Amino acid sequence: MKKTLYLLLAAAILTGCSNSNTGLHLKVTGKQAIWGNGTIEFRTDMDSKGKRDDNPAFEAYVKYEDGKTIHMPIDGYSTGYGASFPMGNHGFYMPFQGLAKAEVLSRSDEKLVMHLHYDPWTIFGEPITLDKQITVYRDSPVMSVIDYYEGMFELLNIAAGLTTAFTGTVNEIEDGFVIEYPYGITAVIVMPQAQERDTDDLLGYAVLKKGVSSGEPLRYYVGISDKGADYIIEEIAKIL
């Protein structure tokens, strides 16, 4: 299977919500979902020029302390900033059908819990589905993710990670990676009990991998900020 597969168009259910007091929000238009707070914003189904695309990688928009916002580009091959996919010996097995539905599960002044559902796609002739539970926190650059892959498989190898955008410096930490980008932004991903790591300078990604059974929760944490790795790791530690 090719390392890059572009998705076919699929219908979506429109949902949206925001909490103006905290900046926590989820907005959905068609297949595009946007969520975050006043510090960080993630987006699905966008290309590097800000147009809607079927690439399932997450894009990110980071607000500097001085108020400037920077768009974090993706390379078209990787998970972007915190998405996950099944991964075999020959690359990612990306969803063919894309995002089907996004909705809010709960919200408070401190956090917003949301759900992304992807239409079924086929791996080795068998359909699988992906449901993601994502939580964003007030004034925090971190999102926590719980993935549920389901299908007729005993064990599926899942990779979640970050793009290096061909220019990021990758460093390993316990159960994770730190990537330093040249424009003053740091990204961190942590997957407790990750079983493997994989980096590819040519395709521009760094991922953590773990085998899961059907319906087994896969947890990981992603943070992006201009305040450095130590700050992000401390924010992740608060919710571990």
Protein backbone atom coordinates (compact mmCIF):
# COMPACT_ATOMS: atom_id res chain seq x y z
CA MET A 1 0.00 0.00 0.00
CA LYS A 2 1.29 3.47 -0.82
CA LYS A 3 2.50 5.67 1.97
CA THR A 4 0.22 8.48 0.93
CA LEU A 5 -3.44 7.90 0.10
CA TYR A 6 -5.80 10.75 -0.57
CA LEU A 7 -9.29 10.31 0.73
CA LEU A 8 -12.53 10.20 -1.23
CA LEU A 9 -15.19 12.78 -0.45
CA ALA A 10 -17.80 11.73 2.11
CA ALA A 11 -20.86 13.37 3.61
CA ALA A 12 -20.62 14.81 7.11
CA ILE A 13 -22.97 15.90 9.86
CA LEU A 14 -22.60 19.54 10.82
CA THR A 15 -22.05 20.32 14.48
CA GLY A 16 -20.42 23.07 16.47
CA CYS A 17 -20.07 24.71 19.84
CA SER A 18 -17.97 27.24 21.65
CA ASN A 19 -17.49 28.59 25.14
CA SER A 20 -16.72 32.26 24.72
CA ASN A 21 -15.63 32.65 28.34
CA THR A 22 -12.75 30.18 28.03
CA GLY A 23 -12.02 30.08 24.32
CA LEU A 24 -12.72 26.33 24.24
CA HIS A 25 -14.43 25.50 20.97
CA LEU A 26 -15.37 22.93 18.36
CA LYS A 27 -16.54 24.13 14.97
CA VAL A 28 -17.51 21.84 12.09
CA THR A 29 -18.21 22.80 8.49
CA GLY A 30 -18.65 19.90 6.13
CA LYS A 31 -15.70 17.57 6.70
CA GLN A 32 -13.57 20.20 8.40
CA ALA A 33 -13.40 20.20 12.20
CA ILE A 34 -11.63 22.95 14.16
CA TRP A 35 -11.06 22.73 17.91
CA GLY A 36 -8.90 24.30 20.58
CA ASN A 37 -8.68 27.24 22.96
CA GLY A 38 -7.02 30.65 22.98
CA THR A 39 -3.56 29.03 22.95
CA ILE A 40 -3.70 26.29 20.31
CA GLU A 41 -6.06 25.27 17.52
CA PHE A 42 -6.14 21.97 15.61
CA ARG A 43 -7.84 21.32 12.27
CA THR A 44 -8.77 18.31 10.18
CA ASP A 45 -9.06 18.08 6.41
CA MET A 46 -6.94 21.08 5.55
CA ASP A 47 -3.97 21.32 3.20
CA SER A 48 -0.85 23.41 3.68
CA LYS A 49 -2.44 26.39 1.90
CA GLY A 50 -5.45 26.48 4.20
CA LYS A 51 -7.88 24.88 1.74
CA ARG A 52 -10.03 21.88 2.60
CA ASP A 53 -8.31 18.63 1.69
CA ASP A 54 -8.94 14.94 2.28
CA ASN A 55 -5.56 14.35 3.90
CA PRO A 56 -6.43 13.11 7.42
CA ALA A 57 -3.43 14.72 9.15
CA PHE A 58 -4.13 17.36 11.80
CA GLU A 59 -2.87 20.89 11.23
CA ALA A 60 -2.13 23.30 14.07
CA TYR A 61 -2.27 27.04 14.68
CA VAL A 62 -0.22 28.28 17.65
CA LYS A 63 -0.58 31.65 19.35
CA TYR A 64 2.67 33.21 20.55
CA GLU A 65 2.78 35.05 23.88
CA ASP A 66 2.85 38.35 21.97
CA GLY A 67 -0.46 37.46 20.29
CA LYS A 68 0.90 36.50 16.88
CA THR A 69 -0.53 33.28 15.44
CA ILE A 70 1.55 30.90 13.33
CA HIS A 71 0.26 28.19 11.02
CA MET A 72 2.15 24.93 11.46
CA PRO A 73 2.48 23.33 8.01
CA ILE A 74 2.18 19.62 7.28
CA ASP A 75 4.03 17.71 4.60
CA GLY A 76 1.26 15.54 3.19
CA TYR A 77 2.82 12.25 4.28
CA SER A 78 2.59 12.17 8.04
CA THR A 79 0.10 12.46 10.86
CA GLY A 80 0.65 16.20 11.05
CA TYR A 81 0.22 17.15 14.72
CA GLY A 82 -1.28 14.29 16.65
CA ALA A 83 -3.42 12.22 14.26
CA SER A 84 -3.04 8.42 14.20
CA PHE A 85 -3.27 5.67 11.59
CA PRO A 86 -2.63 1.95 11.29
CA MET A 87 0.95 1.50 10.09
CA GLY A 88 2.47 -1.51 8.36
CA ASN A 89 5.85 -2.29 6.85
CA HIS A 90 5.10 -0.09 3.85
CA GLY A 91 3.64 3.01 5.44
CA PHE A 92 0.36 4.35 6.79
CA TYR A 93 -3.01 2.79 6.00
CA MET A 94 -4.93 6.05 5.98
CA PRO A 95 -8.74 6.32 6.11
CA PHE A 96 -10.29 6.40 2.64
CA GLN A 97 -13.59 7.96 3.70
CA GLY A 98 -12.46 10.71 6.04
CA LEU A 99 -14.24 12.46 8.86
CA ALA A 100 -17.93 11.61 9.11
CA LYS A 101 -19.06 13.32 12.30
CA ALA A 102 -17.78 15.56 15.08
CA GLU A 103 -19.66 16.39 18.26
CA VAL A 104 -19.21 17.65 21.80
CA LEU A 105 -19.49 15.01 24.53
CA SER A 106 -19.14 17.38 27.50
CA ARG A 107 -17.87 20.84 28.32
CA SER A 108 -17.09 22.96 31.35
CA ASP A 109 -15.08 26.07 32.09
CA GLU A 110 -11.96 23.89 32.38
CA LYS A 111 -12.18 21.47 29.45
CA LEU A 112 -14.02 20.44 26.30
CA VAL A 113 -14.42 16.75 25.43
CA MET A 114 -15.26 15.98 21.81
CA HIS A 115 -15.70 13.00 19.54
CA LEU A 116 -14.53 12.46 15.96
CA HIS A 117 -15.99 9.54 14.01
CA TYR A 118 -14.47 8.28 10.75
CA ASP A 119 -16.36 6.26 8.16
CA PRO A 120 -15.24 2.63 7.73
CA TRP A 121 -12.33 1.87 5.43
CA THR A 122 -10.66 -1.39 4.43
CA ILE A 123 -7.31 -2.89 5.39
CA PHE A 124 -6.37 -6.27 3.93
CA GLY A 125 -9.97 -6.75 2.80
CA GLU A 126 -11.51 -6.13 6.22
CA PRO A 127 -13.42 -2.97 7.26
CA ILE A 128 -12.25 -1.00 10.28
CA THR A 129 -13.60 2.11 11.99
CA LEU A 130 -11.98 4.82 14.07
CA ASP A 131 -13.55 6.86 16.86
CA LYS A 132 -11.43 9.51 18.56
CA GLN A 133 -12.16 11.13 21.90
CA ILE A 134 -10.23 14.40 22.19
CA THR A 135 -10.04 16.67 25.23
CA VAL A 136 -8.75 20.24 25.15
CA TYR A 137 -8.06 22.22 28.30
CA ARG A 138 -8.45 25.84 29.31
CA ASP A 139 -5.25 27.87 28.75
CA SER A 140 -3.26 24.70 27.93
CA PRO A 141 -1.35 23.85 24.74
CA VAL A 142 -2.11 20.14 25.24
CA MET A 143 -4.82 17.87 23.88
CA SER A 144 -5.37 14.33 25.16
CA VAL A 145 -6.56 11.66 22.72
CA ILE A 146 -8.19 8.27 23.15
CA ASP A 147 -8.50 6.25 19.94
CA TYR A 148 -10.83 3.29 19.46
CA TYR A 149 -10.09 1.19 16.37
CA GLU A 150 -12.61 -1.56 15.71
CA GLY A 151 -12.76 -4.36 13.17
CA MET A 152 -12.11 -8.04 12.53
CA PHE A 153 -8.50 -8.02 13.68
CA GLU A 154 -6.69 -9.51 16.63
CA LEU A 155 -3.98 -6.87 16.80
CA LEU A 156 -3.49 -3.69 14.80
CA ASN A 157 -0.30 -1.63 14.89
CA ILE A 158 -1.21 2.06 15.38
CA ALA A 159 1.16 5.00 14.88
CA ALA A 160 0.56 8.47 16.29
CA GLY A 161 3.04 11.25 15.88
CA LEU A 162 4.23 14.59 14.63
CA THR A 163 5.46 15.99 11.37
CA THR A 164 9.02 17.24 11.32
CA ALA A 165 8.08 19.47 8.35
CA PHE A 166 11.57 18.48 7.10
CA THR A 167 13.15 21.11 9.38
CA GLY A 168 12.35 20.02 12.94
CA THR A 169 14.99 18.68 15.31
CA VAL A 170 13.82 15.41 16.86
CA ASN A 171 14.75 14.33 20.38
CA GLU A 172 13.56 11.26 22.25
CA ILE A 173 12.02 11.39 25.72
CA GLU A 174 10.41 8.64 27.80
CA ASP A 175 7.42 7.31 25.83
CA GLY A 176 7.65 10.22 23.43
CA PHE A 177 9.31 12.74 21.16
CA VAL A 178 10.17 16.42 21.38
CA ILE A 179 10.46 18.32 18.11
CA GLU A 180 12.01 21.78 17.99
CA TYR A 181 11.00 23.83 14.96
CA PRO A 182 13.11 26.70 13.61
CA TYR A 183 10.43 29.35 14.19
CA GLY A 184 10.44 29.08 17.98
CA ILE A 185 7.76 26.41 18.34
CA THR A 186 8.14 23.13 20.21
CA ALA A 187 5.88 20.07 19.86
CA VAL A 188 5.73 17.10 22.23
CA ILE A 189 3.94 13.76 21.91
CA VAL A 190 3.73 11.19 24.70
CA MET A 191 2.18 7.72 24.37
CA PRO A 192 2.33 5.79 27.67
CA GLN A 193 3.79 2.31 27.17
CA ALA A 194 4.62 2.94 23.52
CA GLN A 195 6.16 -0.20 22.02
CA GLU A 196 8.10 1.22 19.05
CA ARG A 197 9.40 4.44 17.56
CA ASP A 198 9.82 5.32 13.92
CA THR A 199 11.31 8.40 12.27
CA ASP A 200 11.70 9.17 8.60
CA ASP A 201 13.68 12.25 7.59
CA LEU A 202 12.77 11.80 3.93
CA LEU A 203 9.02 11.74 4.52
CA GLY A 204 9.19 14.03 7.53
CA TYR A 205 7.60 12.30 10.51
CA ALA A 206 8.31 10.94 13.99
CA VAL A 207 5.76 8.45 15.34
CA LEU A 208 5.14 6.24 18.36
CA LYS A 209 3.58 2.84 17.76
CA LYS A 210 1.56 0.41 19.81
CA GLY A 211 -0.47 -2.71 18.98
CA VAL A 212 -4.14 -2.65 20.01
CA SER A 213 -6.98 -5.14 19.84
CA SER A 214 -10.40 -4.21 18.46
CA GLY A 215 -12.05 -1.62 20.70
CA GLU A 216 -9.05 -1.29 23.01
CA PRO A 217 -8.39 2.37 23.98
CA LEU A 218 -5.13 3.89 22.78
CA ARG A 219 -4.12 6.98 24.76
CA TYR A 220 -1.65 9.68 23.89
CA TYR A 221 -1.00 13.38 24.49
CA VAL A 222 0.12 16.17 22.17
CA GLY A 223 1.23 19.69 23.04
CA ILE A 224 2.52 22.57 20.90
CA SER A 225 3.76 25.91 22.25
CA ASP A 226 6.38 28.67 22.03
CA LYS A 227 7.20 28.16 25.73
CA GLY A 228 9.50 25.18 25.28
CA ALA A 229 9.55 21.45 25.95
CA ASP A 230 9.71 21.60 29.75
CA TYR A 231 6.53 23.67 29.92
CA ILE A 232 4.64 21.31 27.59
CA ILE A 233 5.82 18.21 29.45
CA GLU A 234 4.67 19.75 32.74
CA GLU A 235 1.24 20.44 31.19
CA ILE A 236 1.00 16.83 29.99
CA ALA A 237 2.01 15.57 33.44
CA LYS A 238 -0.96 17.43 34.96
CA ILE A 239 -3.42 15.26 33.02
CA LEU A 240 -1.62 11.91 32.92
